Amino acid sequence: MKIGKRRPPVSGVIRTGSEVRAQVEFEKFLKALSSYPERVARDPALSFERHLCSLACTQRARASEDRRRG
């Protein structure tokens, strides 16, 4: 058997970029789901979709601002 051609076994889980993005999206959805009842009590005309989008936009703006601050 040739040595050096095989990779050593990997312990733990390696996550792909798409898996990480999916996890982030899932966490955003759960956050919106848990905060929606309180928000809709204040604004009964608010749809869940608009609430979810408003949270996502707020998080993107914060992340962008954090990157600029460096």
PDB file of N, CA and C in Angstrom:
ATOM      1  N   MET A   1       0.839  -1.180   0.000  1.00  0.00           N
ATOM      2  CA  MET A   1       0.000   0.000   0.000  1.00  0.00           C
ATOM      3  C   MET A   1       0.883   1.241   0.000  1.00  0.00           C
ATOM      4  N   LYS A   2       0.548   2.180  -0.849  1.00  0.00           N
ATOM      5  CA  LYS A   2       1.320   3.412  -0.935  1.00  0.00           C
ATOM      6  C   LYS A   2       0.933   4.338   0.208  1.00  0.00           C
ATOM      7  N   ILE A   3       1.919   4.944   0.772  1.00  0.00           N
ATOM      8  CA  ILE A   3       1.682   5.886   1.870  1.00  0.00           C
ATOM      9  C   ILE A   3       1.689   7.299   1.293  1.00  0.00           C
ATOM     10  N   GLY A   4       0.856   8.143   1.799  1.00  0.00           N
ATOM     11  CA  GLY A   4       0.813   9.527   1.351  1.00  0.00           C
ATOM     12  C   GLY A   4      -0.302   9.822   0.360  1.00  0.00           C
ATOM     13  N   LYS A   5      -0.893   8.812  -0.211  1.00  0.00           N
ATOM     14  CA  LYS A   5      -1.973   9.020  -1.184  1.00  0.00           C
ATOM     15  C   LYS A   5      -3.342   9.016  -0.527  1.00  0.00           C
ATOM     16  N   ARG A   6      -3.426   8.506   0.666  1.00  0.00           N
ATOM     17  CA  ARG A   6      -4.712   8.418   1.361  1.00  0.00           C
ATOM     18  C   ARG A   6      -4.819   9.508   2.415  1.00  0.00           C
ATOM     19  N   ARG A   7      -6.008  10.003   2.553  1.00  0.00           N
ATOM     20  CA  ARG A   7      -6.260  11.002   3.589  1.00  0.00           C
ATOM     21  C   ARG A   7      -6.465  10.303   4.921  1.00  0.00           C
ATOM     22  N   PRO A   8      -6.046  10.950   5.995  1.00  0.00           N
ATOM     23  CA  PRO A   8      -6.316  10.358   7.312  1.00  0.00           C
ATOM     24  C   PRO A   8      -7.803  10.432   7.608  1.00  0.00           C
ATOM     25  N   PRO A   9      -8.318   9.521   8.430  1.00  0.00           N
ATOM     26  CA  PRO A   9      -9.743   9.575   8.768  1.00  0.00           C
ATOM     27  C   PRO A   9     -10.072  10.886   9.490  1.00  0.00           C
ATOM     28  N   VAL A  10     -11.238  11.401   9.198  1.00  0.00           N
ATOM     29  CA  VAL A  10     -11.667  12.667   9.785  1.00  0.00           C
ATOM     30  C   VAL A  10     -12.617  12.378  10.932  1.00  0.00           C
ATOM     31  N   SER A  11     -12.305  12.948  12.074  1.00  0.00           N
ATOM     32  CA  SER A  11     -13.222  12.791  13.205  1.00  0.00           C
ATOM     33  C   SER A  11     -14.117  14.014  13.259  1.00  0.00           C
ATOM     34  N   GLY A  12     -15.336  13.836  13.635  1.00  0.00           N
ATOM     35  CA  GLY A  12     -16.283  14.941  13.668  1.00  0.00           C
ATOM     36  C   GLY A  12     -16.995  15.085  12.341  1.00  0.00           C
ATOM     37  N   VAL A  13     -17.739  16.146  12.236  1.00  0.00           N
ATOM     38  CA  VAL A  13     -18.546  16.373  11.043  1.00  0.00           C
ATOM     39  C   VAL A  13     -18.021  17.605  10.315  1.00  0.00           C
ATOM     40  N   ILE A  14     -17.861  17.483   9.021  1.00  0.00           N
ATOM     41  CA  ILE A  14     -17.483  18.620   8.195  1.00  0.00           C
ATOM     42  C   ILE A  14     -18.752  19.110   7.508  1.00  0.00           C
ATOM     43  N   ARG A  15     -19.055  20.383   7.691  1.00  0.00           N
ATOM     44  CA  ARG A  15     -20.278  20.940   7.125  1.00  0.00           C
ATOM     45  C   ARG A  15     -19.943  21.740   5.878  1.00  0.00           C
ATOM     46  N   THR A  16     -20.742  21.561   4.865  1.00  0.00           N
ATOM     47  CA  THR A  16     -20.550  22.312   3.627  1.00  0.00           C
ATOM     48  C   THR A  16     -21.161  23.699   3.780  1.00  0.00           C
ATOM     49  N   GLY A  17     -20.817  24.581   2.857  1.00  0.00           N
ATOM     50  CA  GLY A  17     -21.362  25.937   2.883  1.00  0.00           C
ATOM     51  C   GLY A  17     -22.872  25.954   2.790  1.00  0.00           C
ATOM     52  N   SER A  18     -23.428  25.066   1.964  1.00  0.00           N
ATOM     53  CA  SER A  18     -24.886  25.041   1.823  1.00  0.00           C
ATOM     54  C   SER A  18     -25.557  24.554   3.102  1.00  0.00           C
ATOM     55  N   GLU A  19     -24.906  23.651   3.814  1.00  0.00           N
ATOM     56  CA  GLU A  19     -25.468  23.185   5.092  1.00  0.00           C
ATOM     57  C   GLU A  19     -25.451  24.305   6.123  1.00  0.00           C
ATOM     58  N   VAL A  20     -24.387  25.080   6.138  1.00  0.00           N
ATOM     59  CA  VAL A  20     -24.286  26.200   7.082  1.00  0.00           C
ATOM     60  C   VAL A  20     -25.353  27.244   6.756  1.00  0.00           C
ATOM     61  N   ARG A  21     -25.520  27.574   5.466  1.00  0.00           N
ATOM     62  CA  ARG A  21     -26.546  28.550   5.074  1.00  0.00           C
ATOM     63  C   ARG A  21     -27.950  28.052   5.430  1.00  0.00           C
ATOM     64  N   ALA A  22     -28.193  26.773   5.236  1.00  0.00           N
ATOM     65  CA  ALA A  22     -29.497  26.207   5.574  1.00  0.00           C
ATOM     66  C   ALA A  22     -29.747  26.309   7.082  1.00  0.00           C
ATOM     67  N   GLN A  23     -28.722  26.059   7.874  1.00  0.00           N
ATOM     68  CA  GLN A  23     -28.851  26.152   9.325  1.00  0.00           C
ATOM     69  C   GLN A  23     -29.170  27.590   9.744  1.00  0.00           C
ATOM     70  N   VAL A  24     -28.509  28.550   9.126  1.00  0.00           N
ATOM     71  CA  VAL A  24     -28.751  29.964   9.436  1.00  0.00           C
ATOM     72  C   VAL A  24     -30.194  30.339   9.075  1.00  0.00           C
ATOM     73  N   GLU A  25     -30.654  29.902   7.902  1.00  0.00           N
ATOM     74  CA  GLU A  25     -32.028  30.198   7.485  1.00  0.00           C
ATOM     75  C   GLU A  25     -33.037  29.557   8.438  1.00  0.00           C
ATOM     76  N   PHE A  26     -32.762  28.338   8.867  1.00  0.00           N
ATOM     77  CA  PHE A  26     -33.645  27.646   9.800  1.00  0.00           C
ATOM     78  C   PHE A  26     -33.713  28.395  11.127  1.00  0.00           C
ATOM     79  N   GLU A  27     -32.576  28.874  11.606  1.00  0.00           N
ATOM     80  CA  GLU A  27     -32.550  29.617  12.863  1.00  0.00           C
ATOM     81  C   GLU A  27     -33.326  30.932  12.742  1.00  0.00           C
ATOM     82  N   LYS A  28     -33.224  31.604  11.594  1.00  0.00           N
ATOM     83  CA  LYS A  28     -34.000  32.831  11.368  1.00  0.00           C
ATOM     84  C   LYS A  28     -35.494  32.527  11.417  1.00  0.00           C
ATOM     85  N   PHE A  29     -35.891  31.428  10.769  1.00  0.00           N
ATOM     86  CA  PHE A  29     -37.302  31.048  10.744  1.00  0.00           C
ATOM     87  C   PHE A  29     -37.807  30.768  12.156  1.00  0.00           C
ATOM     88  N   LEU A  30     -37.031  30.029  12.952  1.00  0.00           N
ATOM     89  CA  LEU A  30     -37.451  29.724  14.325  1.00  0.00           C
ATOM     90  C   LEU A  30     -37.550  30.982  15.175  1.00  0.00           C
ATOM     91  N   LYS A  31     -36.621  31.908  14.975  1.00  0.00           N
ATOM     92  CA  LYS A  31     -36.674  33.169  15.721  1.00  0.00           C
ATOM     93  C   LYS A  31     -37.938  33.944  15.350  1.00  0.00           C
ATOM     94  N   ALA A  32     -38.240  33.992  14.061  1.00  0.00           N
ATOM     95  CA  ALA A  32     -39.454  34.688  13.619  1.00  0.00           C
ATOM     96  C   ALA A  32     -40.698  33.995  14.156  1.00  0.00           C
ATOM     97  N   LEU A  33     -40.698  32.689  14.155  1.00  0.00           N
ATOM     98  CA  LEU A  33     -41.839  31.925  14.636  1.00  0.00           C
ATOM     99  C   LEU A  33     -42.108  32.199  16.117  1.00  0.00           C
ATOM    100  N   SER A  34     -41.057  32.268  16.902  1.00  0.00           N
ATOM    101  CA  SER A  34     -41.241  32.495  18.339  1.00  0.00           C
ATOM    102  C   SER A  34     -41.604  33.942  18.667  1.00  0.00           C
ATOM    103  N   SER A  35     -41.164  34.892  17.853  1.00  0.00           N
ATOM    104  CA  SER A  35     -41.432  36.300  18.160  1.00  0.00           C
ATOM    105  C   SER A  35     -42.694  36.832  17.489  1.00  0.00           C
ATOM    106  N   TYR A  36     -43.261  36.078  16.569  1.00  0.00           N
ATOM    107  CA  TYR A  36     -44.429  36.551  15.823  1.00  0.00           C
ATOM    108  C   TYR A  36     -45.664  36.823  16.698  1.00  0.00           C
ATOM    109  N   PRO A  37     -46.030  35.960  17.644  1.00  0.00           N
ATOM    110  CA  PRO A  37     -47.256  36.233  18.433  1.00  0.00           C
ATOM    111  C   PRO A  37     -47.234  37.582  19.151  1.00  0.00           C
ATOM    112  N   GLU A  38     -46.092  37.918  19.729  1.00  0.00           N
ATOM    113  CA  GLU A  38     -45.991  39.206  20.424  1.00  0.00           C
ATOM    114  C   GLU A  38     -46.094  40.364  19.424  1.00  0.00           C
ATOM    115  N   ARG A  39     -45.447  40.212  18.295  1.00  0.00           N
ATOM    116  CA  ARG A  39     -45.440  41.279  17.290  1.00  0.00           C
ATOM    117  C   ARG A  39     -46.824  41.465  16.658  1.00  0.00           C
ATOM    118  N   VAL A  40     -47.513  40.356  16.359  1.00  0.00           N
ATOM    119  CA  VAL A  40     -48.828  40.470  15.727  1.00  0.00           C
ATOM    120  C   VAL A  40     -49.866  41.006  16.722  1.00  0.00           C
ATOM    121  N   ALA A  41     -49.613  40.836  18.018  1.00  0.00           N
ATOM    122  CA  ALA A  41     -50.510  41.411  19.023  1.00  0.00           C
ATOM    123  C   ALA A  41     -50.469  42.939  18.953  1.00  0.00           C
ATOM    124  N   ARG A  42     -49.296  43.482  18.624  1.00  0.00           N
ATOM    125  CA  ARG A  42     -49.156  44.935  18.482  1.00  0.00           C
ATOM    126  C   ARG A  42     -49.614  45.436  17.122  1.00  0.00           C
ATOM    127  N   ASP A  43     -49.470  44.579  16.101  1.00  0.00           N
ATOM    128  CA  ASP A  43     -49.812  44.969  14.725  1.00  0.00           C
ATOM    129  C   ASP A  43     -50.565  43.816  14.056  1.00  0.00           C
ATOM    130  N   PRO A  44     -51.898  43.716  14.282  1.00  0.00           N
ATOM    131  CA  PRO A  44     -52.674  42.583  13.777  1.00  0.00           C
ATOM    132  C   PRO A  44     -52.656  42.413  12.262  1.00  0.00           C
ATOM    133  N   ALA A  45     -52.351  43.437  11.520  1.00  0.00           N
ATOM    134  CA  ALA A  45     -52.339  43.329  10.063  1.00  0.00           C
ATOM    135  C   ALA A  45     -51.024  42.741   9.527  1.00  0.00           C
ATOM    136  N   LEU A  46     -50.058  42.542  10.389  1.00  0.00           N
ATOM    137  CA  LEU A  46     -48.740  42.049   9.973  1.00  0.00           C
ATOM    138  C   LEU A  46     -48.806  40.562   9.625  1.00  0.00           C
ATOM    139  N   SER A  47     -48.362  40.230   8.430  1.00  0.00           N
ATOM    140  CA  SER A  47     -48.311  38.817   8.034  1.00  0.00           C
ATOM    141  C   SER A  47     -47.019  38.194   8.561  1.00  0.00           C
ATOM    142  N   PHE A  48     -47.028  36.876   8.678  1.00  0.00           N
ATOM    143  CA  PHE A  48     -45.817  36.198   9.130  1.00  0.00           C
ATOM    144  C   PHE A  48     -44.686  36.417   8.136  1.00  0.00           C
ATOM    145  N   GLU A  49     -45.013  36.405   6.844  1.00  0.00           N
ATOM    146  CA  GLU A  49     -43.987  36.601   5.816  1.00  0.00           C
ATOM    147  C   GLU A  49     -43.297  37.961   5.972  1.00  0.00           C
ATOM    148  N   ARG A  50     -44.066  39.001   6.198  1.00  0.00           N
ATOM    149  CA  ARG A  50     -43.468  40.334   6.387  1.00  0.00           C
ATOM    150  C   ARG A  50     -42.638  40.379   7.655  1.00  0.00           C
ATOM    151  N   HIS A  51     -43.112  39.718   8.703  1.00  0.00           N
ATOM    152  CA  HIS A  51     -42.366  39.674   9.959  1.00  0.00           C
ATOM    153  C   HIS A  51     -41.027  38.966   9.756  1.00  0.00           C
ATOM    154  N   LEU A  52     -41.057  37.831   9.076  1.00  0.00           N
ATOM    155  CA  LEU A  52     -39.835  37.077   8.792  1.00  0.00           C
ATOM    156  C   LEU A  52     -38.865  37.920   7.977  1.00  0.00           C
ATOM    157  N   CYS A  53     -39.376  38.566   6.948  1.00  0.00           N
ATOM    158  CA  CYS A  53     -38.517  39.409   6.097  1.00  0.00           C
ATOM    159  C   CYS A  53     -37.925  40.574   6.878  1.00  0.00           C
ATOM    160  N   SER A  54     -38.703  41.160   7.759  1.00  0.00           N
ATOM    161  CA  SER A  54     -38.186  42.297   8.526  1.00  0.00           C
ATOM    162  C   SER A  54     -37.048  41.853   9.445  1.00  0.00           C
ATOM    163  N   LEU A  55     -37.159  40.665  10.032  1.00  0.00           N
ATOM    164  CA  LEU A  55     -36.073  40.157  10.871  1.00  0.00           C
ATOM    165  C   LEU A  55     -34.833  39.853  10.035  1.00  0.00           C
ATOM    166  N   ALA A  56     -35.033  39.247   8.891  1.00  0.00           N
ATOM    167  CA  ALA A  56     -33.903  38.895   8.029  1.00  0.00           C
ATOM    168  C   ALA A  56     -33.185  40.149   7.553  1.00  0.00           C
ATOM    169  N   CYS A  57     -33.934  41.172   7.180  1.00  0.00           N
ATOM    170  CA  CYS A  57     -33.315  42.423   6.714  1.00  0.00           C
ATOM    171  C   CYS A  57     -32.549  43.101   7.840  1.00  0.00           C
ATOM    172  N   THR A  58     -33.103  43.076   9.036  1.00  0.00           N
ATOM    173  CA  THR A  58     -32.441  43.674  10.194  1.00  0.00           C
ATOM    174  C   THR A  58     -31.131  42.954  10.484  1.00  0.00           C
ATOM    175  N   GLN A  59     -31.149  41.622  10.428  1.00  0.00           N
ATOM    176  CA  GLN A  59     -29.940  40.850  10.687  1.00  0.00           C
ATOM    177  C   GLN A  59     -28.884  41.100   9.624  1.00  0.00           C
ATOM    178  N   ARG A  60     -29.289  41.208   8.360  1.00  0.00           N
ATOM    179  CA  ARG A  60     -28.339  41.494   7.274  1.00  0.00           C
ATOM    180  C   ARG A  60     -27.701  42.860   7.469  1.00  0.00           C
ATOM    181  N   ALA A  61     -28.509  43.846   7.846  1.00  0.00           N
ATOM    182  CA  ALA A  61     -27.991  45.194   8.040  1.00  0.00           C
ATOM    183  C   ALA A  61     -26.973  45.211   9.184  1.00  0.00           C
ATOM    184  N   ARG A  62     -27.266  44.501  10.264  1.00  0.00           N
ATOM    185  CA  ARG A  62     -26.330  44.430  11.379  1.00  0.00           C
ATOM    186  C   ARG A  62     -25.024  43.752  10.990  1.00  0.00           C
ATOM    187  N   ALA A  63     -25.138  42.648  10.248  1.00  0.00           N
ATOM    188  CA  ALA A  63     -23.949  41.919   9.810  1.00  0.00           C
ATOM    189  C   ALA A  63     -23.093  42.792   8.896  1.00  0.00           C
ATOM    190  N   SER A  64     -23.740  43.525   8.017  1.00  0.00           N
ATOM    191  CA  SER A  64     -23.015  44.414   7.112  1.00  0.00           C
ATOM    192  C   SER A  64     -22.313  45.518   7.889  1.00  0.00           C
ATOM    193  N   GLU A  65     -22.998  46.057   8.872  1.00  0.00           N
ATOM    194  CA  GLU A  65     -22.416  47.110   9.697  1.00  0.00           C
ATOM    195  C   GLU A  65     -21.233  46.566  10.498  1.00  0.00           C
ATOM    196  N   ASP A  66     -21.353  45.361  11.035  1.00  0.00           N
ATOM    197  CA  ASP A  66     -20.263  44.739  11.791  1.00  0.00           C
ATOM    198  C   ASP A  66     -19.032  44.517  10.910  1.00  0.00           C
ATOM    199  N   ARG A  67     -19.266  44.109   9.645  1.00  0.00           N
ATOM    200  CA  ARG A  67     -18.141  43.881   8.724  1.00  0.00           C
ATOM    201  C   ARG A  67     -17.428  45.195   8.417  1.00  0.00           C
ATOM    202  N   ARG A  68     -18.192  46.285   8.295  1.00  0.00           N
ATOM    203  CA  ARG A  68     -17.579  47.590   8.013  1.00  0.00           C
ATOM    204  C   ARG A  68     -16.725  48.066   9.184  1.00  0.00           C
ATOM    205  N   ARG A  69     -17.174  47.778  10.393  1.00  0.00           N
ATOM    206  CA  ARG A  69     -16.413  48.192  11.584  1.00  0.00           C
ATOM    207  C   ARG A  69     -15.121  47.388  11.711  1.00  0.00           C
ATOM    208  N   GLY A  70     -15.186  46.131  11.212  1.00  0.00           N
ATOM    209  CA  GLY A  70     -14.032  45.271  11.148  1.00  0.00           C
ATOM    210  C   GLY A  70     -13.534  44.774  12.415  1.00  0.00           C
TER     211      GLY A  70
END
